């Protein structure tokens, strides 16, 4: 299966065969909402806080955040109410790290098969 693209803001946004953006610079909140809708989710401010924190982690470390790293980062940046694997699973489903990376416009995490 080859790469494809999402239609967002009147332009094609390239992604890989699994739906991960090829460039994190193409990410917008509107695109995240579109991707979430395609996954049967509606993003809330809580979801967006997690996505922004995942992007911050990626900017700092140049890798998508592992779950423990994201939880620590959420706690350190004032989102203690979101900083647990149970909350992330409730918000993003069983493969929370994978869904978060995809919705945040980040590469597929190495820990995800």
C-alpha atoms as a PDB file:
ATOM      1  CA  UNK A   1       0.000   0.000   0.000  1.00  0.00           C
ATOM      2  CA  UNK A   2       1.428   3.408  -0.940  1.00  0.00           C
ATOM      3  CA  UNK A   3       1.193   6.882   0.485  1.00  0.00           C
ATOM      4  CA  UNK A   4      -1.990   8.908   0.132  1.00  0.00           C
ATOM      5  CA  UNK A   5      -3.263  12.288   1.251  1.00  0.00           C
ATOM      6  CA  UNK A   6      -5.958  13.994   3.281  1.00  0.00           C
ATOM      7  CA  UNK A   7      -7.891  16.905   1.863  1.00  0.00           C
ATOM      8  CA  UNK A   8      -7.640  19.777   4.320  1.00  0.00           C
ATOM      9  CA  UNK A   9      -8.054  23.495   3.861  1.00  0.00           C
ATOM     10  CA  UNK A  10      -8.342  23.117   0.109  1.00  0.00           C
ATOM     11  CA  UNK A  11      -5.057  21.272  -0.274  1.00  0.00           C
ATOM     12  CA  UNK A  12      -3.768  17.733  -0.189  1.00  0.00           C
ATOM     13  CA  UNK A  13      -1.850  16.815   2.985  1.00  0.00           C
ATOM     14  CA  UNK A  14       0.421  13.797   2.300  1.00  0.00           C
ATOM     15  CA  UNK A  15       0.271  10.826   4.646  1.00  0.00           C
ATOM     16  CA  UNK A  16       1.622   7.291   4.711  1.00  0.00           C
ATOM     17  CA  UNK A  17      -0.415   4.165   4.083  1.00  0.00           C
ATOM     18  CA  UNK A  18      -1.437   4.033   7.768  1.00  0.00           C
ATOM     19  CA  UNK A  19      -2.662   7.628   7.897  1.00  0.00           C
ATOM     20  CA  UNK A  20       0.322   9.246   9.651  1.00  0.00           C
ATOM     21  CA  UNK A  21       1.287  12.643   8.222  1.00  0.00           C
ATOM     22  CA  UNK A  22       4.529  12.692   6.273  1.00  0.00           C
ATOM     23  CA  UNK A  23       5.350  16.131   7.700  1.00  0.00           C
ATOM     24  CA  UNK A  24       4.329  17.277  11.174  1.00  0.00           C
ATOM     25  CA  UNK A  25       4.440  20.846   9.815  1.00  0.00           C
ATOM     26  CA  UNK A  26       1.219  20.098   7.893  1.00  0.00           C
ATOM     27  CA  UNK A  27      -0.734  19.589  11.139  1.00  0.00           C
ATOM     28  CA  UNK A  28      -3.559  21.884  12.200  1.00  0.00           C
ATOM     29  CA  UNK A  29      -6.260  21.506  14.824  1.00  0.00           C
ATOM     30  CA  UNK A  30      -8.826  21.418  12.009  1.00  0.00           C
ATOM     31  CA  UNK A  31      -6.994  18.516  10.374  1.00  0.00           C
ATOM     32  CA  UNK A  32      -6.859  16.738  13.755  1.00  0.00           C
ATOM     33  CA  UNK A  33     -10.621  17.169  14.072  1.00  0.00           C
ATOM     34  CA  UNK A  34     -11.087  15.739  10.575  1.00  0.00           C
ATOM     35  CA  UNK A  35      -8.854  12.752  11.344  1.00  0.00           C
ATOM     36  CA  UNK A  36     -10.655  12.172  14.647  1.00  0.00           C
ATOM     37  CA  UNK A  37     -14.047  12.222  12.917  1.00  0.00           C
ATOM     38  CA  UNK A  38     -12.753   9.538  10.564  1.00  0.00           C
ATOM     39  CA  UNK A  39     -11.875   7.483  13.644  1.00  0.00           C
ATOM     40  CA  UNK A  40     -15.329   8.006  15.163  1.00  0.00           C
ATOM     41  CA  UNK A  41     -14.116  10.560  17.726  1.00  0.00           C
ATOM     42  CA  UNK A  42     -15.000  14.154  18.467  1.00  0.00           C
ATOM     43  CA  UNK A  43     -12.105  16.137  19.908  1.00  0.00           C
ATOM     44  CA  UNK A  44     -12.626  18.138  23.081  1.00  0.00           C
ATOM     45  CA  UNK A  45     -10.320  20.639  24.748  1.00  0.00           C
ATOM     46  CA  UNK A  46      -8.933  17.735  26.814  1.00  0.00           C
ATOM     47  CA  UNK A  47      -8.011  15.837  23.643  1.00  0.00           C
ATOM     48  CA  UNK A  48      -6.410  18.939  22.164  1.00  0.00           C
ATOM     49  CA  UNK A  49      -4.363  19.551  25.325  1.00  0.00           C
ATOM     50  CA  UNK A  50      -2.916  16.040  24.989  1.00  0.00           C
ATOM     51  CA  UNK A  51      -2.220  16.521  21.277  1.00  0.00           C
ATOM     52  CA  UNK A  52      -0.440  19.821  21.879  1.00  0.00           C
ATOM     53  CA  UNK A  53       1.629  18.230  24.656  1.00  0.00           C
ATOM     54  CA  UNK A  54       2.575  15.347  22.332  1.00  0.00           C
ATOM     55  CA  UNK A  55       3.689  17.881  19.719  1.00  0.00           C
ATOM     56  CA  UNK A  56       5.725  19.755  22.342  1.00  0.00           C
ATOM     57  CA  UNK A  57       7.427  16.478  23.296  1.00  0.00           C
ATOM     58  CA  UNK A  58       8.180  15.773  19.632  1.00  0.00           C
ATOM     59  CA  UNK A  59       9.659  19.261  19.178  1.00  0.00           C
ATOM     60  CA  UNK A  60      11.873  18.764  22.250  1.00  0.00           C
ATOM     61  CA  UNK A  61      13.050  15.199  21.590  1.00  0.00           C
ATOM     62  CA  UNK A  62      12.458  14.579  17.839  1.00  0.00           C
ATOM     63  CA  UNK A  63      10.543  11.346  18.566  1.00  0.00           C
ATOM     64  CA  UNK A  64       6.854  10.740  19.227  1.00  0.00           C
ATOM     65  CA  UNK A  65       6.269  10.459  22.969  1.00  0.00           C
ATOM     66  CA  UNK A  66       6.061   7.049  24.591  1.00  0.00           C
ATOM     67  CA  UNK A  67       3.156   6.780  27.007  1.00  0.00           C
ATOM     68  CA  UNK A  68       5.233   7.267  30.153  1.00  0.00           C
ATOM     69  CA  UNK A  69       7.043  10.235  28.623  1.00  0.00           C
ATOM     70  CA  UNK A  70       3.770  11.845  27.602  1.00  0.00           C
ATOM     71  CA  UNK A  71       2.267  11.296  31.058  1.00  0.00           C
ATOM     72  CA  UNK A  72       5.296  12.890  32.707  1.00  0.00           C
ATOM     73  CA  UNK A  73       5.201  15.807  30.258  1.00  0.00           C
ATOM     74  CA  UNK A  74       1.480  16.352  30.855  1.00  0.00           C
ATOM     75  CA  UNK A  75       2.091  16.408  34.609  1.00  0.00           C
ATOM     76  CA  UNK A  76       5.054  18.804  34.286  1.00  0.00           C
ATOM     77  CA  UNK A  77       3.114  21.238  32.113  1.00  0.00           C
ATOM     78  CA  UNK A  78       0.023  21.613  34.273  1.00  0.00           C
ATOM     79  CA  UNK A  79      -2.204  18.847  32.938  1.00  0.00           C
ATOM     80  CA  UNK A  80      -2.122  16.500  35.914  1.00  0.00           C
ATOM     81  CA  UNK A  81      -5.787  15.671  35.363  1.00  0.00           C
ATOM     82  CA  UNK A  82      -4.822  14.080  32.018  1.00  0.00           C
ATOM     83  CA  UNK A  83      -1.619  12.425  33.212  1.00  0.00           C
ATOM     84  CA  UNK A  84      -2.598   8.770  33.514  1.00  0.00           C
ATOM     85  CA  UNK A  85      -2.762   5.819  31.177  1.00  0.00           C
ATOM     86  CA  UNK A  86      -6.407   5.266  32.167  1.00  0.00           C
ATOM     87  CA  UNK A  87      -7.407   8.802  31.157  1.00  0.00           C
ATOM     88  CA  UNK A  88      -5.485   8.549  27.874  1.00  0.00           C
ATOM     89  CA  UNK A  89      -7.166   5.215  27.106  1.00  0.00           C
ATOM     90  CA  UNK A  90     -10.574   6.711  27.873  1.00  0.00           C
ATOM     91  CA  UNK A  91      -9.920   9.682  25.591  1.00  0.00           C
ATOM     92  CA  UNK A  92      -8.106   7.919  22.735  1.00  0.00           C
ATOM     93  CA  UNK A  93      -8.961   4.229  23.003  1.00  0.00           C
ATOM     94  CA  UNK A  94      -6.874   1.152  23.652  1.00  0.00           C
ATOM     95  CA  UNK A  95      -3.985   2.137  21.367  1.00  0.00           C
ATOM     96  CA  UNK A  96      -3.797   5.617  22.852  1.00  0.00           C
ATOM     97  CA  UNK A  97      -0.158   6.318  21.947  1.00  0.00           C
ATOM     98  CA  UNK A  98      -0.762   5.368  18.318  1.00  0.00           C
ATOM     99  CA  UNK A  99      -3.974   7.439  18.088  1.00  0.00           C
ATOM    100  CA  UNK A 100      -2.339  10.423  19.790  1.00  0.00           C
ATOM    101  CA  UNK A 101       0.626  10.367  17.399  1.00  0.00           C
ATOM    102  CA  UNK A 102      -1.643  10.086  14.371  1.00  0.00           C
ATOM    103  CA  UNK A 103      -3.992  12.855  15.521  1.00  0.00           C
ATOM    104  CA  UNK A 104      -1.065  15.091  16.547  1.00  0.00           C
ATOM    105  CA  UNK A 105       0.493  14.786  13.095  1.00  0.00           C
ATOM    106  CA  UNK A 106       3.537  12.882  14.373  1.00  0.00           C
ATOM    107  CA  UNK A 107       5.314   9.858  12.904  1.00  0.00           C
ATOM    108  CA  UNK A 108       4.165   6.403  13.927  1.00  0.00           C
ATOM    109  CA  UNK A 109       5.791   5.564  17.298  1.00  0.00           C
ATOM    110  CA  UNK A 110       8.450   2.872  17.143  1.00  0.00           C
ATOM    111  CA  UNK A 111       6.629   0.952  19.878  1.00  0.00           C
ATOM    112  CA  UNK A 112       3.551   0.542  17.654  1.00  0.00           C
ATOM    113  CA  UNK A 113       3.403  -2.450  15.372  1.00  0.00           C
END
